[in-house]
Protein backbone atom coordinates (compact mmCIF):
# COMPACT_ATOMS: atom_id res chain seq x y z
CA MET A 1 92.46 56.86 76.69
CA SER A 2 91.79 60.72 77.38
CA THR A 3 89.51 61.39 80.10
CA LYS A 4 85.96 64.27 79.78
CA LYS A 5 88.06 66.34 80.98
CA GLU A 6 90.23 66.17 78.77
CA ARG A 7 88.81 65.39 76.01
CA SER A 8 86.40 68.93 76.51
CA TYR A 9 89.75 70.61 77.92
CA GLU A 10 90.98 69.99 74.08
CA ARG A 11 87.43 70.39 71.85
CA ILE A 12 86.63 74.25 74.10
CA ASN A 13 90.55 75.23 72.94
CA ALA A 14 89.39 74.19 68.98
CA LEU A 15 86.99 75.74 68.93
CA VAL A 16 87.66 79.12 71.03
CA GLY A 17 90.62 78.83 68.45
CA SER A 18 89.39 78.67 65.33
CA GLY A 19 87.29 81.81 66.62
CA MET A 20 84.64 80.81 68.20
CA GLN A 21 83.35 83.06 71.66
CA LYS A 22 84.23 80.43 74.93
CA ALA A 23 80.87 80.69 75.79
CA ASP A 24 79.24 79.73 72.56
CA ALA A 25 82.18 76.93 72.74
CA PHE A 26 80.54 75.52 76.26
CA ARG A 27 77.01 75.28 74.81
CA GLN A 28 77.46 73.72 71.61
CA LEU A 29 80.00 70.94 73.50
CA ALA A 30 77.54 70.58 76.27
CA GLU A 31 74.50 69.67 73.22
CA GLU A 32 77.26 67.55 71.81
CA TYR A 33 77.36 66.04 74.65
CA GLY A 34 74.02 65.50 75.93
CA GLN A 35 75.15 67.58 79.80
CA PRO A 36 74.71 71.31 81.12
CA VAL A 37 76.42 73.43 80.63
CA ASP A 38 78.20 73.94 83.85
CA SER A 39 79.41 70.08 83.22
CA VAL A 40 81.93 70.48 79.99
CA ARG A 41 82.43 74.28 81.65
CA GLY A 42 83.39 72.07 85.55
CA ALA A 43 85.02 69.45 83.52
CA PHE A 44 87.24 72.54 80.92
CA TYR A 45 88.64 74.32 84.35
CA GLY A 46 89.24 71.61 86.39
CA HIS A 47 91.99 70.44 83.33
CA LYS A 48 93.07 73.14 82.63
CA ARG A 49 94.10 74.04 87.44
CA VAL A 50 95.65 70.42 86.54
CA LEU A 51 97.55 71.10 83.46
CA GLU A 52 98.34 75.04 85.93
CA ARG A 53 100.06 72.80 88.79
CA GLY A 54 102.23 70.29 86.33
CA ASP A 55 100.18 67.15 87.64
CA GLU A 56 99.45 64.03 85.67
CA PRO A 57 96.30 63.93 83.65
CA GLY A 58 94.26 61.34 84.83
CA GLN A 59 96.22 60.03 88.39
CA GLY A 60 94.31 60.91 91.05
CA ARG A 61 92.90 63.66 93.16
CA SER A 62 92.75 66.67 90.56
CA ARG A 63 93.01 69.30 94.24
CA PRO A 64 94.48 68.24 97.78
CA SER A 65 91.96 66.84 99.82
CA GLY A 66 92.99 69.84 102.42
CA ARG A 67 93.42 67.79 105.29
CA ARG A 68 96.65 67.11 107.05
CA SER A 69 98.29 64.84 108.58
CA ARG A 70 97.74 64.21 112.20
CA LYS A 71 100.39 64.22 115.29
CA ARG A 72 99.17 62.26 118.13
CA GLU A 73 101.28 64.23 120.86
CA THR A 74 102.59 67.70 121.17
CA THR A 75 106.06 67.77 123.03
CA THR A 76 107.53 70.76 124.69
CA GLU A 77 110.06 71.58 121.81
CA ASP A 78 106.42 72.23 119.72
CA ALA A 79 104.55 74.23 122.08
CA VAL A 80 107.85 75.97 122.23
CA ALA A 81 108.43 76.61 118.60
CA SER A 82 105.01 77.47 117.88
CA ALA A 83 104.77 80.49 120.63
CA VAL A 84 107.48 81.61 119.78
CA ALA A 85 106.49 81.91 115.87
CA THR A 86 103.17 83.15 117.48
CA LEU A 87 105.03 86.20 119.24
CA ARG A 88 107.64 87.02 116.33
CA GLY A 89 104.45 87.16 114.34
CA ALA A 90 103.51 90.43 116.72
CA ILE A 91 106.76 91.12 116.84
CA ASP A 92 106.88 91.54 112.62
CA SER A 93 102.36 93.09 113.36
CA ILE A 94 103.47 95.61 114.75
CA GLU A 95 106.58 96.58 112.80
CA ARG A 96 103.71 97.08 110.08
CA GLU A 97 101.50 99.11 111.96
CA LEU A 98 104.60 100.62 112.77
CA GLU A 99 105.05 101.81 109.78
CA THR A 100 101.47 102.42 108.38
CA ALA A 101 101.56 105.03 111.43
CA ARG A 102 105.50 106.66 110.14
CA GLU A 103 103.44 106.62 106.47
CA ARG A 104 100.55 108.22 107.76
CA ALA A 105 102.16 111.48 109.65
CA GLU A 106 104.37 111.65 106.98
CA GLU A 107 102.24 112.43 104.46
CA ALA A 108 99.74 114.60 106.98
CA ARG A 109 103.17 116.95 107.75
CA ALA A 110 103.18 117.10 103.97
CA GLU A 111 100.16 118.14 103.46
CA TYR A 112 99.64 120.90 106.17
CA GLU A 113 102.75 122.81 105.34
CA ALA A 114 101.54 122.62 101.85
CA MET A 115 98.41 124.35 102.78
CA GLN A 116 99.98 126.52 105.32
CA ALA A 117 102.65 127.48 102.36
CA ALA A 118 99.49 128.13 99.65
CA SER A 119 96.79 129.90 102.44
CA GLY A 120 99.01 133.13 102.83
CA GLY A 121 97.95 134.63 99.72
CA ARG A 122 94.86 133.70 99.92
CA ILE A 123 94.44 135.01 103.31
CA GLU A 124 95.49 138.68 102.22
CA GLU A 125 93.74 138.27 98.97
CA ILE A 126 90.53 137.77 101.56
CA ARG A 127 91.10 140.34 103.70
CA ALA A 128 92.12 143.63 101.31
CA LYS A 129 88.25 142.02 99.50
CA ILE A 130 86.83 142.19 102.87
CA ALA A 131 88.64 146.12 103.21
CA VAL A 132 86.97 146.72 100.34
CA LEU A 133 84.00 145.87 101.01
CA ASP A 134 83.24 146.81 104.57
CA PRO A 135 86.57 150.04 104.60
CA GLU A 136 85.26 149.98 109.12
CA ALA A 137 85.85 146.22 109.43
CA ASP A 138 88.50 144.95 111.42
CA ASP A 139 89.99 142.53 110.34
CA GLU A 140 93.14 141.77 112.23
CA PRO A 141 95.35 138.53 111.39
CA SER A 142 94.39 135.81 113.58
CA GLU A 143 96.88 133.25 114.85
CA PRO A 144 97.53 130.19 113.19
CA ALA A 145 96.52 127.09 115.03
CA THR A 146 98.66 125.68 116.46
CA ALA A 147 99.51 122.19 118.59
CA GLY A 148 98.94 122.47 122.21
CA SER A 149 97.81 126.30 121.87
CA ASP A 150 95.25 127.12 124.42
CA ALA A 151 92.00 129.20 123.44
CA LYS A 152 92.42 132.87 123.66
CA ALA A 153 90.62 134.67 127.45
CA PRO A 154 87.96 137.17 126.30
CA THR A 155 88.81 140.18 126.38
CA ALA A 156 86.16 143.02 128.56
CA ALA A 157 85.18 144.44 125.06
CA ALA A 158 83.93 141.03 124.09
CA GLY A 159 81.43 140.88 127.24
CA LYS A 160 79.55 143.97 126.91
CA SER A 161 76.67 143.20 124.89
CA GLY A 162 75.99 145.43 121.68
CA THR A 163 78.93 147.51 121.32
CA GLY A 164 82.17 146.81 118.21
CA LYS A 165 81.92 147.83 114.81
CA ALA A 166 79.77 144.27 114.00
CA ALA A 167 76.53 146.13 116.92
CA ASP A 168 77.36 149.43 114.97
CA ARG A 169 76.42 147.96 111.82
CA LYS A 170 73.31 146.37 113.02
CA GLU A 171 71.91 149.64 114.15
CA VAL A 172 73.01 151.53 110.93
CA LYS A 173 70.89 148.73 109.02
CA GLY A 174 67.88 148.74 111.55
CA SER A 175 67.46 152.48 111.43
C-alpha cells in the first residue's frame, strides 16, 4: 500500500512528464485531493528527500530527529581529545588566513607592477602636453612614492609667498 507522499510524488511526476508545469500539477492534484497546494507540494518534496537519501518509503521518520545521544560523563581522554581538536582547528584557521593574506599580497604586487609599467609613458605624454600648453611651466619629474620614503622638507623658495612661476601667472592674469 502506498502512502500519500508516494502517490503525490508519482502523480506529479506523471503530470510533469505529460508536459504540464510543476506548479500547475501541484494545483491540479490539490483540487483532486481537496487539500491546500502547500500540502501536496510538501508531500511531493518529502517523498523526494526520502528517495534521494535512499531510505525505504513508509519506514518511520523521513528526517533524522537531530538529537544526539547524551554521554553521562566526560572522561579525561575525551576532554583532551576535544581540546586537541579545537587547537588543531585554530592552526588550520591561522594557516588559511596566512594563505589568504599571501594571495592578496601577490595580487597587490602584480597590480603595482602593472601600474608602474603603464604609468611611465602616460606621465611623459601628459608632461609633453603641459609643455605645449604652458612652455614656462616647470614640471620636474617627481619621485614615485616608495614604502618608507619620507616627505621632502620644504625649500626656502617654497616658504616665500608670491614668488615662482605660479605667482607670475597669477600676476599676468590679474593685469
